[in-house]
Amino acid sequence: MTRPDAQPRRLRLPDGRTLAYQLYGAREGRALYYFHGFPGSRLQAALHHEQALAANVCLVAPERPGFGWSDYQPRRSILDWAEDVAFMADTLGHRRFGVLGVSCGGPYALACTHRLGERLDYVGLLAGMGRMDIPELRTTQLPALKLMFGLARIHPRLASPMLAVDRLMFLRNPARALNALAGLLAEPDRQLLAADPQTAEDFATFLAEAYRQGIRGACTEAALIASPRPFSLEEIKVPVHLYQSGQDRHVPEAMSRHLQARLPRANLRFYPQEGHLSIVINQFPQVLADFTQSTLHEAA
């Protein structure tokens, strides 16, 4: 397997911030912007480097403010991300492109769809996080996540003790931290990590990289994800591909059903036997197939 470069590329934004990112897959291929989970970093997209290369797809993996090497952005909103992505796409020469939100990257993909829909050829949410301020959508979610995001919704700093412990664990011993996390995961996820040590190591690495600057970015992100979305789902007129697992303890099925019911042009693919991590690995070929076959502008 070809191991992609782990060193970040850097883009200076109009407000002076630095946005860190990496390119995976085929550098000159069709661009799919890959929005990592929470916590996360540009390294998450490296999990799919070989598959994207074979499909002639360029995965553009930016790190959100405060994660990895990207500068922290105070008082940001989810919609601000669309402005960063638009500037990045202009700089990299991507007039048209696709966006994929993985887990907590999902709301950011929808924000780009709300603001940049006319430029997007594809929108995907892979185990994409739904509304966190509607209790009935979270009944089967992990209790630890319910607590952390509930505290963050009150004030970002209230989530800091849990995130500080998580950071300490991953910086001291990423593999051991991932083993501890595995105990909270669904069976398909535990089987994936046990059967594929390299993938387990990669997961641990990108999670540790997320905390390079500390927890300030993660605290801000937790509060944003926990709060109501600053846009209406019903206003999103372009097709949105939803990929949902049946055994996900992070993103319950009810979240995707809620999105499907409110997005005017949602396409839901449901995988009963997948978990939160396993769907990201096992169903990425389907994501690439949907992306490479999409001509969203012509269908809209």
Protein backbone atom coordinates (compact mmCIF):
# COMPACT_ATOMS: atom_id res chain seq x y z
CA MET A 1 0.00 0.00 0.00
CA THR A 2 1.22 3.50 -0.83
CA ARG A 3 1.46 5.63 2.32
CA PRO A 4 0.46 9.22 1.53
CA ASP A 5 2.35 12.23 2.82
CA ALA A 6 1.26 13.13 6.36
CA GLN A 7 2.69 16.66 6.31
CA PRO A 8 0.04 19.37 6.01
CA ARG A 9 -0.34 21.83 3.20
CA ARG A 10 -1.27 25.34 4.30
CA LEU A 11 -3.58 27.95 2.84
CA ARG A 12 -3.69 31.56 4.01
CA LEU A 13 -7.31 32.71 4.22
CA PRO A 14 -8.50 36.29 3.58
CA ASP A 15 -8.83 36.98 7.32
CA GLY A 16 -5.22 35.93 7.94
CA ARG A 17 -5.92 32.46 9.36
CA THR A 18 -4.09 29.41 8.14
CA LEU A 19 -6.17 26.47 6.93
CA ALA A 20 -4.29 23.18 6.88
CA TYR A 21 -5.21 20.41 4.47
CA GLN A 22 -3.90 17.43 2.56
CA LEU A 23 -4.60 15.87 -0.81
CA TYR A 24 -5.16 12.13 -1.12
CA GLY A 25 -5.92 9.87 -4.03
CA ALA A 26 -5.32 11.19 -7.56
CA ARG A 27 -3.95 14.72 -7.25
CA GLU A 28 -5.32 15.71 -10.67
CA GLY A 29 -8.55 13.76 -10.33
CA ARG A 30 -12.08 14.98 -9.76
CA ALA A 31 -12.23 16.85 -6.45
CA LEU A 32 -14.19 15.53 -3.47
CA TYR A 33 -13.83 17.64 -0.32
CA TYR A 34 -13.66 15.35 2.71
CA PHE A 35 -14.83 16.81 6.04
CA HIS A 36 -13.49 14.84 8.99
CA GLY A 37 -15.35 13.75 12.10
CA PHE A 38 -15.10 14.93 15.70
CA PRO A 39 -12.44 14.97 16.92
CA GLY A 40 -10.65 14.65 13.62
CA SER A 41 -7.93 15.83 11.31
CA ARG A 42 -6.86 15.79 7.68
CA LEU A 43 -5.30 12.35 8.30
CA GLN A 44 -8.72 10.70 8.42
CA ALA A 45 -9.00 10.87 4.63
CA ALA A 46 -5.77 8.87 4.33
CA LEU A 47 -7.87 5.80 5.16
CA HIS A 48 -9.25 6.04 1.61
CA HIS A 49 -6.12 7.06 -0.31
CA GLU A 50 -5.75 3.89 -2.37
CA GLN A 51 -9.43 3.63 -3.25
CA ALA A 52 -9.58 7.28 -4.32
CA LEU A 53 -6.42 6.83 -6.38
CA ALA A 54 -7.95 3.88 -8.22
CA ALA A 55 -11.13 5.86 -8.88
CA ASN A 56 -9.21 8.93 -10.14
CA VAL A 57 -10.66 11.02 -7.32
CA CYS A 58 -8.75 13.72 -5.46
CA LEU A 59 -9.73 13.82 -1.79
CA VAL A 60 -9.22 17.34 -0.46
CA ALA A 61 -9.06 17.02 3.32
CA PRO A 62 -9.06 20.34 5.20
CA GLU A 63 -8.84 20.58 8.98
CA ARG A 64 -11.48 22.71 10.65
CA PRO A 65 -10.38 25.64 12.84
CA GLY A 66 -8.50 24.53 15.95
CA PHE A 67 -7.90 20.96 14.76
CA GLY A 68 -4.53 19.67 13.58
CA TRP A 69 -2.61 22.58 12.07
CA SER A 70 -5.56 24.87 11.23
CA ASP A 71 -5.69 28.13 13.18
CA TYR A 72 -8.40 28.53 15.77
CA GLN A 73 -11.28 30.79 14.74
CA PRO A 74 -13.15 32.50 17.60
CA ARG A 75 -16.90 33.06 17.36
CA ARG A 76 -17.23 30.95 14.24
CA SER A 77 -20.41 29.37 12.96
CA ILE A 78 -21.00 26.26 10.91
CA LEU A 79 -21.86 28.44 7.92
CA ASP A 80 -18.45 30.15 8.11
CA TRP A 81 -16.97 26.86 6.95
CA ALA A 82 -18.62 27.30 3.56
CA GLU A 83 -16.68 30.54 3.05
CA ASP A 84 -13.38 28.79 3.86
CA VAL A 85 -14.19 25.95 1.48
CA ALA A 86 -15.19 28.33 -1.32
CA PHE A 87 -11.89 30.20 -0.99
CA MET A 88 -9.95 26.94 -0.93
CA ALA A 89 -11.75 25.66 -4.03
CA ASP A 90 -11.03 28.91 -5.85
CA THR A 91 -7.37 28.73 -4.88
CA LEU A 92 -7.00 25.09 -5.93
CA GLY A 93 -8.84 25.71 -9.20
CA HIS A 94 -11.92 23.61 -8.42
CA ARG A 95 -14.81 25.42 -10.07
CA ARG A 96 -17.05 22.42 -9.39
CA PHE A 97 -16.53 19.75 -6.75
CA GLY A 98 -18.25 17.42 -4.32
CA VAL A 99 -18.45 17.48 -0.53
CA LEU A 100 -18.56 14.56 1.87
CA GLY A 101 -19.24 14.98 5.59
CA VAL A 102 -18.16 12.08 7.80
CA SER A 103 -19.86 11.87 11.21
CA CYS A 104 -19.71 15.42 12.67
CA GLY A 105 -18.48 16.63 9.29
CA GLY A 106 -22.05 16.10 8.10
CA PRO A 107 -23.44 19.45 9.27
CA TYR A 108 -20.55 21.20 7.52
CA ALA A 109 -21.32 19.42 4.26
CA LEU A 110 -24.92 20.62 4.55
CA ALA A 111 -23.73 24.15 5.31
CA CYS A 112 -21.70 24.10 2.09
CA THR A 113 -24.75 22.81 0.25
CA HIS A 114 -26.83 25.67 1.64
CA ARG A 115 -24.28 28.31 0.60
CA LEU A 116 -22.51 26.76 -2.41
CA GLY A 117 -25.10 24.46 -3.92
CA GLU A 118 -24.60 25.83 -7.43
CA ARG A 119 -20.95 24.69 -7.38
CA LEU A 120 -21.48 21.17 -6.05
CA ASP A 121 -21.63 18.03 -8.16
CA TYR A 122 -22.24 15.75 -5.18
CA VAL A 123 -23.21 15.95 -1.51
CA GLY A 124 -22.74 12.99 0.82
CA LEU A 125 -23.18 12.35 4.53
CA LEU A 126 -21.35 9.19 5.62
CA ALA A 127 -22.63 8.33 9.12
CA GLY A 128 -23.43 12.04 9.14
CA MET A 129 -24.45 13.64 12.42
CA GLY A 130 -28.01 14.97 12.50
CA ARG A 131 -29.73 17.41 14.82
CA MET A 132 -28.39 17.16 18.37
CA ASP A 133 -30.92 19.50 19.94
CA ILE A 134 -33.87 17.12 19.41
CA PRO A 135 -33.88 14.58 22.27
CA GLU A 136 -36.00 11.97 20.50
CA LEU A 137 -33.32 11.60 17.81
CA ARG A 138 -30.71 10.69 20.45
CA THR A 139 -32.42 8.02 22.55
CA THR A 140 -30.01 5.27 21.43
CA GLN A 141 -26.89 7.43 21.38
CA LEU A 142 -23.97 6.66 23.68
CA PRO A 143 -24.63 8.18 27.13
CA ALA A 144 -21.16 9.76 27.17
CA LEU A 145 -21.95 11.62 23.95
CA LYS A 146 -25.31 12.72 25.26
CA LEU A 147 -23.60 14.17 28.31
CA MET A 148 -20.72 15.86 26.50
CA PHE A 149 -22.81 17.52 23.81
CA GLY A 150 -25.49 18.43 26.33
CA LEU A 151 -22.90 20.25 28.43
CA ALA A 152 -21.38 21.90 25.36
CA ARG A 153 -24.78 23.23 24.33
CA ILE A 154 -24.99 25.07 27.67
CA HIS A 155 -21.42 26.42 27.33
CA PRO A 156 -18.39 25.16 25.38
CA ARG A 157 -16.17 25.12 28.47
CA LEU A 158 -18.42 22.65 30.24
CA ALA A 159 -17.27 19.96 27.78
CA SER A 160 -13.59 20.66 28.50
CA PRO A 161 -13.02 18.07 31.29
CA MET A 162 -14.18 15.18 29.09
CA LEU A 163 -12.24 16.44 26.07
CA ALA A 164 -9.11 17.08 28.17
CA VAL A 165 -9.12 13.46 29.35
CA ASP A 166 -9.65 12.24 25.78
CA ARG A 167 -6.74 14.36 24.54
CA LEU A 168 -4.43 13.18 27.30
CA MET A 169 -5.20 9.54 26.52
CA PHE A 170 -4.60 9.89 22.78
CA LEU A 171 -1.41 11.93 23.14
CA ARG A 172 0.10 9.55 25.69
CA ASN A 173 -0.75 6.29 23.96
CA PRO A 174 -3.03 6.46 20.90
CA ALA A 175 -3.34 2.68 20.58
CA ARG A 176 -4.34 2.22 24.21
CA ALA A 177 -6.80 5.11 23.93
CA LEU A 178 -8.40 3.51 20.89
CA ASN A 179 -8.70 0.22 22.76
CA ALA A 180 -10.53 2.02 25.54
CA LEU A 181 -12.82 3.67 22.99
CA ALA A 182 -13.52 0.31 21.36
CA GLY A 183 -15.34 -0.80 24.49
CA LEU A 184 -18.02 1.80 23.75
CA LEU A 185 -18.43 0.87 20.09
CA ALA A 186 -20.88 -1.46 18.39
CA GLU A 187 -19.82 -5.00 17.55
CA PRO A 188 -19.12 -4.33 13.84
CA ASP A 189 -16.70 -1.58 14.87
CA ARG A 190 -14.90 -3.75 17.40
CA GLN A 191 -14.56 -6.51 14.83
CA LEU A 192 -13.12 -4.07 12.28
CA LEU A 193 -10.48 -2.77 14.67
CA ALA A 194 -9.53 -6.26 15.85
CA ALA A 195 -9.27 -7.70 12.34
CA ASP A 196 -7.28 -4.84 10.77
CA PRO A 197 -4.44 -3.56 13.00
CA GLN A 198 -3.27 -1.07 10.35
CA THR A 199 -6.69 0.56 10.14
CA ALA A 200 -6.85 0.65 13.93
CA GLU A 201 -3.45 2.36 14.03
CA ASP A 202 -4.59 4.88 11.40
CA PHE A 203 -7.72 5.70 13.38
CA ALA A 204 -5.64 6.28 16.52
CA THR A 205 -3.20 8.50 14.60
CA PHE A 206 -5.78 10.86 13.12
CA LEU A 207 -7.59 11.16 16.45
CA ALA A 208 -4.36 12.08 18.22
CA GLU A 209 -3.53 14.63 15.50
CA ALA A 210 -6.87 16.36 16.13
CA TYR A 211 -5.63 17.50 19.53
CA ARG A 212 -2.29 18.93 18.37
CA GLN A 213 -3.27 22.44 19.53
CA GLY A 214 -5.18 21.41 22.63
CA ILE A 215 -8.94 21.22 23.19
CA ARG A 216 -10.08 24.78 22.43
CA GLY A 217 -11.10 23.91 18.88
CA ALA A 218 -12.87 20.76 20.05
CA CYS A 219 -14.83 22.64 22.73
CA THR A 220 -16.03 25.17 20.15
CA GLU A 221 -16.93 22.43 17.71
CA ALA A 222 -18.88 20.45 20.34
CA ALA A 223 -21.01 23.52 21.07
CA LEU A 224 -21.69 24.14 17.37
CA ILE A 225 -22.68 20.53 16.68
CA ALA A 226 -24.92 20.47 19.75
CA SER A 227 -26.80 23.66 18.81
CA PRO A 228 -29.63 24.17 16.29
CA ARG A 229 -28.46 24.48 12.69
CA PRO A 230 -28.26 28.04 11.31
CA PHE A 231 -30.03 27.00 8.08
CA SER A 232 -33.17 25.18 7.05
CA LEU A 233 -32.96 21.67 5.64
CA GLU A 234 -36.05 22.34 3.53
CA GLU A 235 -34.14 25.09 1.67
CA ILE A 236 -31.52 22.66 0.37
CA LYS A 237 -32.71 21.84 -3.14
CA VAL A 238 -29.85 19.71 -4.46
CA PRO A 239 -29.65 15.92 -3.99
CA VAL A 240 -28.05 14.69 -0.77
CA HIS A 241 -26.75 11.11 -0.38
CA LEU A 242 -27.18 9.68 3.13
CA TYR A 243 -25.26 6.57 4.25
CA GLN A 244 -26.55 5.22 7.56
CA SER A 245 -25.67 2.14 9.58
CA GLY A 246 -28.11 0.18 11.69
CA GLN A 247 -25.80 -0.34 14.67
CA ASP A 248 -24.36 3.14 15.02
CA ARG A 249 -24.14 4.27 18.67
CA HIS A 250 -22.80 7.70 17.72
CA VAL A 251 -25.23 8.66 14.95
CA PRO A 252 -28.54 6.85 15.54
CA GLU A 253 -30.67 5.79 12.61
CA ALA A 254 -33.34 8.29 13.70
CA MET A 255 -31.04 11.13 12.67
CA SER A 256 -30.83 10.00 9.05
CA ARG A 257 -34.56 9.33 8.94
CA HIS A 258 -35.10 12.88 10.17
CA LEU A 259 -32.80 14.25 7.47
CA GLN A 260 -34.46 12.09 4.81
CA ALA A 261 -37.89 13.42 5.74
CA ARG A 262 -36.84 17.07 5.55
CA LEU A 263 -34.31 17.28 2.73
CA PRO A 264 -36.30 17.73 -0.49
CA ARG A 265 -34.02 15.42 -2.51
CA ALA A 266 -32.50 12.89 -0.09
CA ASN A 267 -31.25 9.46 -1.15
CA LEU A 268 -30.80 7.15 1.87
CA ARG A 269 -28.66 4.01 1.73
CA PHE A 270 -29.19 1.96 4.90
CA TYR A 271 -26.76 -0.73 6.11
CA PRO A 272 -28.27 -2.73 9.00
CA GLN A 273 -25.06 -4.61 9.88
CA GLU A 274 -22.65 -1.68 9.95
CA GLY A 275 -21.42 0.41 12.88
CA HIS A 276 -20.09 3.94 13.14
CA LEU A 277 -16.53 3.13 12.07
CA SER A 278 -17.19 0.10 9.91
CA ILE A 279 -19.50 1.98 7.55
CA VAL A 280 -16.76 4.55 6.90
CA ILE A 281 -14.38 1.81 5.78
CA ASN A 282 -16.69 -0.76 4.22
CA GLN A 283 -19.03 1.56 2.32
CA PHE A 284 -16.57 4.12 1.01
CA PRO A 285 -16.50 2.35 -2.37
CA GLN A 286 -20.22 3.11 -2.65
CA VAL A 287 -19.52 6.75 -1.85
CA LEU A 288 -16.93 6.88 -4.63
CA ALA A 289 -19.31 5.18 -7.05
CA ASP A 290 -22.08 7.67 -6.29
CA PHE A 291 -19.66 10.57 -6.59
CA THR A 292 -18.12 9.49 -9.88
CA GLN A 293 -21.57 8.86 -11.37
CA SER A 294 -23.07 12.13 -10.17
CA THR A 295 -23.83 15.08 -12.42
CA LEU A 296 -25.74 17.01 -9.82
CA HIS A 297 -25.95 20.23 -11.81
CA GLU A 298 -27.57 18.49 -14.75
CA ALA A 299 -30.05 16.68 -12.46
CA ALA A 300 -31.02 19.72 -10.44
